[in-house]
């Protein structure tokens, strides 16, 4: 993609994927990896005691498998950063947050209650579908 000339004035709520597929912080890495594969996703928020505490990705799983840690728990291999934004956040602001915070998934909320997620890939398929092949 050379340039995206104009980011729509859409809000993240217009592009949210729901329901939120999560993994549990105390799940074994191998079981959490199965959740990602079965749902054809690359990453998912991690929950512990009904709170989001990080992001678990296929990259985390691969690294854990290589290190012989498939039986370890997600909490020990996840990325501990989680970004949450309200559904009326501008798409441009969400993209800036993703870039600045180095994340590829944002949890979208409605008055603080999680309603879905937005990923960089999902946004690219919406903003530049001709450049993104599935």
N, C-alpha and C. Protein backbone atom coordinates (compact mmCIF):
# COMPACT_ATOMS: atom_id res chain seq x y z
N UNK A 1 0.86 -1.17 0.00
CA UNK A 1 0.00 0.00 0.00
C UNK A 1 0.90 1.22 0.00
N UNK A 2 0.81 2.03 -1.03
CA UNK A 2 1.64 3.23 -1.07
C UNK A 2 1.08 4.30 -0.15
N UNK A 3 -0.20 4.57 -0.25
CA UNK A 3 -0.83 5.59 0.60
C UNK A 3 -2.30 5.28 0.75
N UNK A 4 -2.80 5.61 1.90
CA UNK A 4 -4.24 5.66 2.07
C UNK A 4 -4.53 7.15 2.11
N UNK A 5 -5.16 7.67 1.07
CA UNK A 5 -5.30 9.11 0.91
C UNK A 5 -6.22 9.74 1.95
N UNK A 6 -7.29 9.10 2.27
CA UNK A 6 -8.21 9.70 3.23
C UNK A 6 -8.80 8.60 4.10
N UNK A 7 -8.61 8.75 5.39
CA UNK A 7 -9.23 7.81 6.31
C UNK A 7 -10.64 8.29 6.54
N UNK A 8 -11.61 7.40 6.37
CA UNK A 8 -13.00 7.83 6.57
C UNK A 8 -13.19 8.41 7.98
N UNK A 9 -14.20 9.23 8.11
CA UNK A 9 -14.51 9.82 9.41
C UNK A 9 -15.31 8.85 10.28
N UNK A 10 -15.25 7.59 9.91
CA UNK A 10 -15.94 6.55 10.67
C UNK A 10 -15.45 6.51 12.10
N UNK A 11 -16.26 5.90 12.93
CA UNK A 11 -15.90 5.62 14.31
C UNK A 11 -15.52 4.14 14.40
N UNK A 12 -14.75 3.77 15.42
CA UNK A 12 -14.36 2.37 15.55
C UNK A 12 -15.57 1.47 15.72
N UNK A 13 -16.64 2.00 16.32
CA UNK A 13 -17.86 1.21 16.49
C UNK A 13 -18.47 0.77 15.18
N UNK A 14 -18.13 1.48 14.08
CA UNK A 14 -18.63 1.10 12.75
C UNK A 14 -17.88 -0.10 12.19
N UNK A 15 -16.78 -0.47 12.80
CA UNK A 15 -15.92 -1.53 12.26
C UNK A 15 -15.62 -2.64 13.26
N UNK A 16 -16.39 -2.70 14.31
CA UNK A 16 -16.13 -3.63 15.39
C UNK A 16 -16.48 -5.06 14.99
N UNK A 17 -15.65 -6.00 15.43
CA UNK A 17 -15.93 -7.43 15.26
C UNK A 17 -16.48 -7.94 16.59
N UNK A 18 -17.61 -8.60 16.51
CA UNK A 18 -18.26 -9.07 17.72
C UNK A 18 -18.90 -10.42 17.42
N UNK A 19 -18.99 -11.32 18.38
CA UNK A 19 -18.60 -11.22 19.78
C UNK A 19 -17.08 -11.29 19.93
N UNK A 20 -16.62 -10.92 21.11
CA UNK A 20 -15.19 -10.94 21.40
C UNK A 20 -14.77 -12.38 21.71
N UNK A 21 -13.83 -12.87 20.94
CA UNK A 21 -13.27 -14.20 21.20
C UNK A 21 -12.08 -13.97 22.14
N UNK A 22 -12.11 -14.61 23.29
CA UNK A 22 -11.06 -14.42 24.28
C UNK A 22 -10.42 -15.75 24.65
N UNK A 23 -9.28 -15.64 25.31
CA UNK A 23 -8.66 -16.79 25.95
C UNK A 23 -8.46 -16.42 27.42
N UNK A 24 -8.36 -17.42 28.26
CA UNK A 24 -8.21 -17.19 29.69
C UNK A 24 -6.73 -17.14 30.06
N UNK A 25 -6.38 -16.27 30.97
CA UNK A 25 -4.99 -16.11 31.40
C UNK A 25 -4.39 -17.40 31.94
N UNK A 26 -5.23 -18.27 32.48
CA UNK A 26 -4.73 -19.51 33.06
C UNK A 26 -4.88 -20.73 32.14
N UNK A 27 -5.32 -20.49 30.89
CA UNK A 27 -5.36 -21.57 29.90
C UNK A 27 -3.94 -21.98 29.55
N UNK A 28 -3.77 -23.24 29.18
CA UNK A 28 -2.48 -23.68 28.66
C UNK A 28 -2.28 -23.05 27.29
N UNK A 29 -1.04 -22.75 26.95
CA UNK A 29 -0.70 -22.14 25.67
C UNK A 29 -1.25 -22.97 24.51
N UNK A 30 -1.08 -24.30 24.59
CA UNK A 30 -1.54 -25.15 23.48
C UNK A 30 -3.05 -25.06 23.31
N UNK A 31 -3.81 -24.92 24.39
CA UNK A 31 -5.26 -24.81 24.30
C UNK A 31 -5.69 -23.45 23.75
N UNK A 32 -5.00 -22.40 24.18
CA UNK A 32 -5.31 -21.06 23.69
C UNK A 32 -4.99 -20.95 22.19
N UNK A 33 -3.90 -21.59 21.77
CA UNK A 33 -3.54 -21.59 20.35
C UNK A 33 -4.64 -22.26 19.53
N UNK A 34 -5.24 -23.33 20.05
CA UNK A 34 -6.35 -24.00 19.36
C UNK A 34 -7.52 -23.06 19.18
N UNK A 35 -7.81 -22.22 20.18
CA UNK A 35 -8.92 -21.26 20.08
C UNK A 35 -8.67 -20.30 18.91
N UNK A 36 -7.45 -19.81 18.80
CA UNK A 36 -7.12 -18.89 17.70
C UNK A 36 -7.28 -19.59 16.35
N UNK A 37 -6.73 -20.79 16.25
CA UNK A 37 -6.78 -21.52 14.98
C UNK A 37 -8.21 -21.87 14.60
N UNK A 38 -8.99 -22.36 15.56
CA UNK A 38 -10.38 -22.74 15.27
C UNK A 38 -11.23 -21.54 14.83
N UNK A 39 -10.89 -20.36 15.33
CA UNK A 39 -11.65 -19.15 14.98
C UNK A 39 -11.01 -18.35 13.85
N UNK A 40 -9.91 -18.88 13.30
CA UNK A 40 -9.20 -18.25 12.18
C UNK A 40 -8.83 -16.81 12.49
N UNK A 41 -8.26 -16.61 13.68
CA UNK A 41 -7.79 -15.28 14.08
C UNK A 41 -6.33 -15.38 14.52
N UNK A 42 -5.64 -14.26 14.51
CA UNK A 42 -4.22 -14.25 14.85
C UNK A 42 -3.95 -13.83 16.28
N UNK A 43 -4.93 -13.20 16.92
CA UNK A 43 -4.74 -12.74 18.29
C UNK A 43 -6.09 -12.57 18.97
N UNK A 44 -6.06 -12.61 20.30
CA UNK A 44 -7.29 -12.45 21.07
C UNK A 44 -6.97 -11.82 22.42
N UNK A 45 -7.91 -11.05 22.96
CA UNK A 45 -7.71 -10.52 24.31
C UNK A 45 -7.66 -11.66 25.33
N UNK A 46 -6.90 -11.43 26.38
CA UNK A 46 -6.76 -12.40 27.48
C UNK A 46 -7.56 -11.87 28.66
N UNK A 47 -8.39 -12.77 29.24
CA UNK A 47 -9.19 -12.40 30.40
C UNK A 47 -8.69 -13.11 31.64
N UNK A 48 -8.75 -12.37 32.74
CA UNK A 48 -8.47 -12.96 34.05
C UNK A 48 -9.43 -12.29 35.03
N UNK A 49 -10.25 -13.11 35.70
CA UNK A 49 -11.25 -12.59 36.63
C UNK A 49 -12.14 -11.53 35.97
N UNK A 50 -12.60 -11.82 34.75
CA UNK A 50 -13.51 -10.94 34.00
C UNK A 50 -12.88 -9.61 33.58
N UNK A 51 -11.56 -9.48 33.71
CA UNK A 51 -10.85 -8.28 33.27
C UNK A 51 -9.93 -8.64 32.12
N UNK A 52 -9.78 -7.73 31.15
CA UNK A 52 -8.81 -7.93 30.09
C UNK A 52 -7.43 -7.56 30.62
N UNK A 53 -6.46 -8.48 30.43
CA UNK A 53 -5.13 -8.26 31.01
C UNK A 53 -4.01 -8.32 29.97
N UNK A 54 -4.34 -8.58 28.71
CA UNK A 54 -3.31 -8.66 27.69
C UNK A 54 -3.84 -9.20 26.39
N UNK A 55 -2.91 -9.47 25.48
CA UNK A 55 -3.23 -10.03 24.17
C UNK A 55 -2.38 -11.28 23.97
N UNK A 56 -3.03 -12.35 23.52
CA UNK A 56 -2.33 -13.59 23.17
C UNK A 56 -2.39 -13.74 21.66
N UNK A 57 -1.25 -13.99 21.04
CA UNK A 57 -1.20 -14.09 19.58
C UNK A 57 -0.58 -15.42 19.14
N UNK A 58 -0.75 -15.71 17.87
CA UNK A 58 -0.10 -16.90 17.32
C UNK A 58 1.42 -16.78 17.46
N UNK A 59 1.95 -15.56 17.36
CA UNK A 59 3.39 -15.37 17.54
C UNK A 59 3.80 -15.76 18.97
N UNK A 60 2.98 -15.40 19.97
CA UNK A 60 3.27 -15.81 21.35
C UNK A 60 3.28 -17.33 21.44
N UNK A 61 2.30 -17.96 20.78
CA UNK A 61 2.18 -19.42 20.82
C UNK A 61 3.38 -20.09 20.17
N UNK A 62 3.77 -19.61 19.00
CA UNK A 62 4.91 -20.20 18.29
C UNK A 62 6.18 -20.10 19.13
N UNK A 63 6.41 -18.91 19.70
CA UNK A 63 7.59 -18.73 20.55
C UNK A 63 7.56 -19.70 21.73
N UNK A 64 6.40 -19.84 22.36
CA UNK A 64 6.27 -20.75 23.49
C UNK A 64 6.52 -22.20 23.07
N UNK A 65 5.98 -22.60 21.91
CA UNK A 65 6.19 -23.96 21.42
C UNK A 65 7.68 -24.21 21.16
N UNK A 66 8.34 -23.25 20.53
CA UNK A 66 9.77 -23.38 20.24
C UNK A 66 10.58 -23.53 21.52
N UNK A 67 10.17 -22.81 22.55
CA UNK A 67 10.87 -22.86 23.84
C UNK A 67 10.44 -24.05 24.70
N UNK A 68 9.56 -24.91 24.17
CA UNK A 68 9.11 -26.08 24.92
C UNK A 68 8.14 -25.73 26.04
N UNK A 69 7.36 -24.65 25.85
CA UNK A 69 6.46 -24.17 26.90
C UNK A 69 4.99 -24.31 26.51
N UNK A 70 4.63 -25.30 25.73
CA UNK A 70 3.24 -25.49 25.29
C UNK A 70 2.31 -25.75 26.47
N UNK A 71 2.85 -26.27 27.56
CA UNK A 71 2.03 -26.56 28.75
C UNK A 71 1.99 -25.38 29.73
N UNK A 72 2.77 -24.34 29.44
CA UNK A 72 2.77 -23.15 30.30
C UNK A 72 1.42 -22.44 30.16
N UNK A 73 1.15 -21.47 31.02
CA UNK A 73 -0.12 -20.75 30.93
C UNK A 73 0.04 -19.46 30.12
N UNK A 74 -1.06 -19.04 29.53
CA UNK A 74 -1.09 -17.87 28.67
C UNK A 74 -0.51 -16.64 29.36
N UNK A 75 -0.85 -16.44 30.62
CA UNK A 75 -0.38 -15.26 31.36
C UNK A 75 1.13 -15.10 31.30
N UNK A 76 1.85 -16.20 31.20
CA UNK A 76 3.32 -16.16 31.20
C UNK A 76 3.92 -15.88 29.83
N UNK A 77 3.12 -15.90 28.77
CA UNK A 77 3.68 -15.70 27.42
C UNK A 77 2.97 -14.60 26.64
N UNK A 78 1.88 -14.05 27.15
CA UNK A 78 1.09 -13.04 26.44
C UNK A 78 1.81 -11.69 26.41
N UNK A 79 1.31 -10.81 25.57
CA UNK A 79 1.73 -9.41 25.60
C UNK A 79 0.82 -8.72 26.61
N UNK A 80 1.39 -8.11 27.66
CA UNK A 80 0.56 -7.59 28.74
C UNK A 80 -0.15 -6.26 28.45
N UNK A 81 0.04 -5.72 27.27
CA UNK A 81 -0.58 -4.43 26.95
C UNK A 81 -1.95 -4.64 26.32
N UNK A 82 -2.95 -3.93 26.83
CA UNK A 82 -4.29 -3.97 26.26
C UNK A 82 -4.78 -2.54 26.12
N UNK A 83 -5.27 -2.20 24.96
CA UNK A 83 -5.78 -0.86 24.70
C UNK A 83 -7.29 -0.96 24.49
N UNK A 84 -8.02 -0.09 25.19
CA UNK A 84 -9.48 -0.06 25.07
C UNK A 84 -9.90 1.35 24.69
N UNK A 85 -10.85 1.44 23.75
CA UNK A 85 -11.39 2.73 23.33
C UNK A 85 -12.91 2.65 23.25
N UNK A 86 -13.55 3.78 23.42
CA UNK A 86 -15.00 3.86 23.29
C UNK A 86 -15.40 3.74 21.82
N UNK A 87 -16.60 3.25 21.56
CA UNK A 87 -17.07 3.00 20.20
C UNK A 87 -17.15 4.26 19.35
N UNK A 88 -17.24 5.44 19.97
CA UNK A 88 -17.32 6.68 19.20
C UNK A 88 -15.96 7.30 18.91
N UNK A 89 -14.87 6.57 19.22
CA UNK A 89 -13.52 7.03 18.90
C UNK A 89 -13.34 7.04 17.39
N UNK A 90 -12.74 8.11 16.88
CA UNK A 90 -12.50 8.20 15.43
C UNK A 90 -11.53 7.11 15.00
N UNK A 91 -11.76 6.61 13.81
CA UNK A 91 -10.90 5.58 13.24
C UNK A 91 -9.45 6.06 13.17
N UNK A 92 -9.25 7.30 12.79
CA UNK A 92 -7.89 7.84 12.70
C UNK A 92 -7.20 7.82 14.06
N UNK A 93 -7.94 8.11 15.13
CA UNK A 93 -7.37 8.07 16.48
C UNK A 93 -7.02 6.63 16.87
N UNK A 94 -7.88 5.68 16.52
CA UNK A 94 -7.61 4.27 16.82
C UNK A 94 -6.34 3.80 16.10
N UNK A 95 -6.20 4.18 14.85
CA UNK A 95 -5.01 3.80 14.09
C UNK A 95 -3.76 4.44 14.69
N UNK A 96 -3.86 5.69 15.12
CA UNK A 96 -2.73 6.36 15.77
C UNK A 96 -2.34 5.64 17.05
N UNK A 97 -3.36 5.26 17.85
CA UNK A 97 -3.09 4.51 19.09
C UNK A 97 -2.41 3.19 18.80
N UNK A 98 -2.89 2.47 17.79
CA UNK A 98 -2.29 1.19 17.42
C UNK A 98 -0.81 1.39 17.08
N UNK A 99 -0.54 2.40 16.28
CA UNK A 99 0.84 2.67 15.88
C UNK A 99 1.69 3.08 17.09
N UNK A 100 1.22 4.05 17.84
CA UNK A 100 2.00 4.58 18.96
C UNK A 100 2.22 3.56 20.07
N UNK A 101 1.22 2.71 20.31
CA UNK A 101 1.31 1.72 21.39
C UNK A 101 1.87 0.38 20.92
N UNK A 102 2.04 0.23 19.61
CA UNK A 102 2.59 -1.02 19.08
C UNK A 102 1.68 -2.21 19.25
N UNK A 103 0.36 -1.98 19.09
CA UNK A 103 -0.60 -3.07 19.22
C UNK A 103 -1.31 -3.28 17.88
N UNK A 104 -1.86 -4.45 17.71
CA UNK A 104 -2.56 -4.77 16.46
C UNK A 104 -4.03 -5.09 16.70
N UNK A 105 -4.47 -4.97 17.96
CA UNK A 105 -5.86 -5.22 18.33
C UNK A 105 -6.25 -4.24 19.42
N UNK A 106 -7.45 -3.66 19.26
CA UNK A 106 -7.99 -2.75 20.27
C UNK A 106 -9.35 -3.28 20.69
N UNK A 107 -9.62 -3.27 21.98
CA UNK A 107 -10.94 -3.64 22.49
C UNK A 107 -11.82 -2.39 22.43
N UNK A 108 -13.01 -2.54 21.85
CA UNK A 108 -13.96 -1.42 21.72
C UNK A 108 -15.01 -1.56 22.81
N UNK A 109 -15.30 -0.44 23.46
CA UNK A 109 -16.26 -0.44 24.55
C UNK A 109 -17.44 0.50 24.27
N UNK A 110 -18.52 0.25 24.97
CA UNK A 110 -19.68 1.13 24.96
C UNK A 110 -19.95 1.48 26.42
N UNK A 111 -19.64 2.72 26.79
CA UNK A 111 -19.75 3.18 28.18
C UNK A 111 -18.94 2.29 29.12
N UNK A 112 -17.74 1.91 28.65
CA UNK A 112 -16.84 1.10 29.47
C UNK A 112 -17.05 -0.40 29.38
N UNK A 113 -18.14 -0.83 28.76
CA UNK A 113 -18.42 -2.27 28.63
C UNK A 113 -17.91 -2.77 27.27
N UNK A 114 -17.02 -3.77 27.27
CA UNK A 114 -16.48 -4.29 26.01
C UNK A 114 -17.59 -4.83 25.10
N UNK A 115 -17.55 -4.41 23.82
CA UNK A 115 -18.55 -4.86 22.84
C UNK A 115 -17.94 -5.56 21.64
N UNK A 116 -16.63 -5.45 21.46
CA UNK A 116 -15.99 -6.08 20.31
C UNK A 116 -14.53 -5.66 20.21
N UNK A 117 -13.92 -6.02 19.09
CA UNK A 117 -12.52 -5.67 18.85
C UNK A 117 -12.37 -5.11 17.45
N UNK A 118 -11.28 -4.38 17.26
CA UNK A 118 -10.87 -3.92 15.94
C UNK A 118 -9.41 -4.30 15.80
N UNK A 119 -9.06 -4.88 14.65
CA UNK A 119 -7.67 -5.25 14.40
C UNK A 119 -7.13 -4.46 13.22
N UNK A 120 -5.81 -4.38 13.14
CA UNK A 120 -5.19 -3.68 12.03
C UNK A 120 -5.57 -4.34 10.70
N UNK A 121 -5.60 -5.64 10.66
CA UNK A 121 -5.94 -6.34 9.42
C UNK A 121 -7.38 -6.04 9.01
N UNK A 122 -8.28 -6.06 9.96
CA UNK A 122 -9.69 -5.77 9.67
C UNK A 122 -9.82 -4.37 9.09
N UNK A 123 -9.13 -3.41 9.68
CA UNK A 123 -9.21 -2.04 9.17
C UNK A 123 -8.61 -1.92 7.78
N UNK A 124 -7.50 -2.60 7.54
CA UNK A 124 -6.90 -2.57 6.20
C UNK A 124 -7.83 -3.16 5.15
N UNK A 125 -8.53 -4.23 5.49
CA UNK A 125 -9.45 -4.83 4.51
C UNK A 125 -10.63 -3.90 4.23
N UNK A 126 -10.96 -3.04 5.19
CA UNK A 126 -12.05 -2.07 4.97
C UNK A 126 -11.55 -0.84 4.22
N UNK A 127 -10.35 -0.36 4.55
CA UNK A 127 -9.84 0.88 3.98
C UNK A 127 -9.16 0.68 2.62
N UNK A 128 -8.56 -0.46 2.41
CA UNK A 128 -7.83 -0.71 1.16
C UNK A 128 -8.06 -2.15 0.71
N UNK A 129 -9.32 -2.54 0.45
CA UNK A 129 -9.62 -3.94 0.14
C UNK A 129 -8.92 -4.47 -1.11
N UNK A 130 -8.67 -3.60 -2.08
CA UNK A 130 -8.03 -4.07 -3.31
C UNK A 130 -6.57 -4.42 -3.10
N UNK A 131 -5.95 -3.88 -2.04
CA UNK A 131 -4.55 -4.20 -1.76
C UNK A 131 -4.37 -5.36 -0.81
N UNK A 132 -5.43 -5.76 -0.13
CA UNK A 132 -5.33 -6.82 0.87
C UNK A 132 -6.02 -8.06 0.34
N UNK A 133 -5.27 -9.10 0.16
CA UNK A 133 -5.82 -10.38 -0.31
C UNK A 133 -6.07 -11.28 0.87
N UNK A 134 -7.17 -12.01 0.84
CA UNK A 134 -7.47 -12.96 1.93
C UNK A 134 -6.88 -14.30 1.63
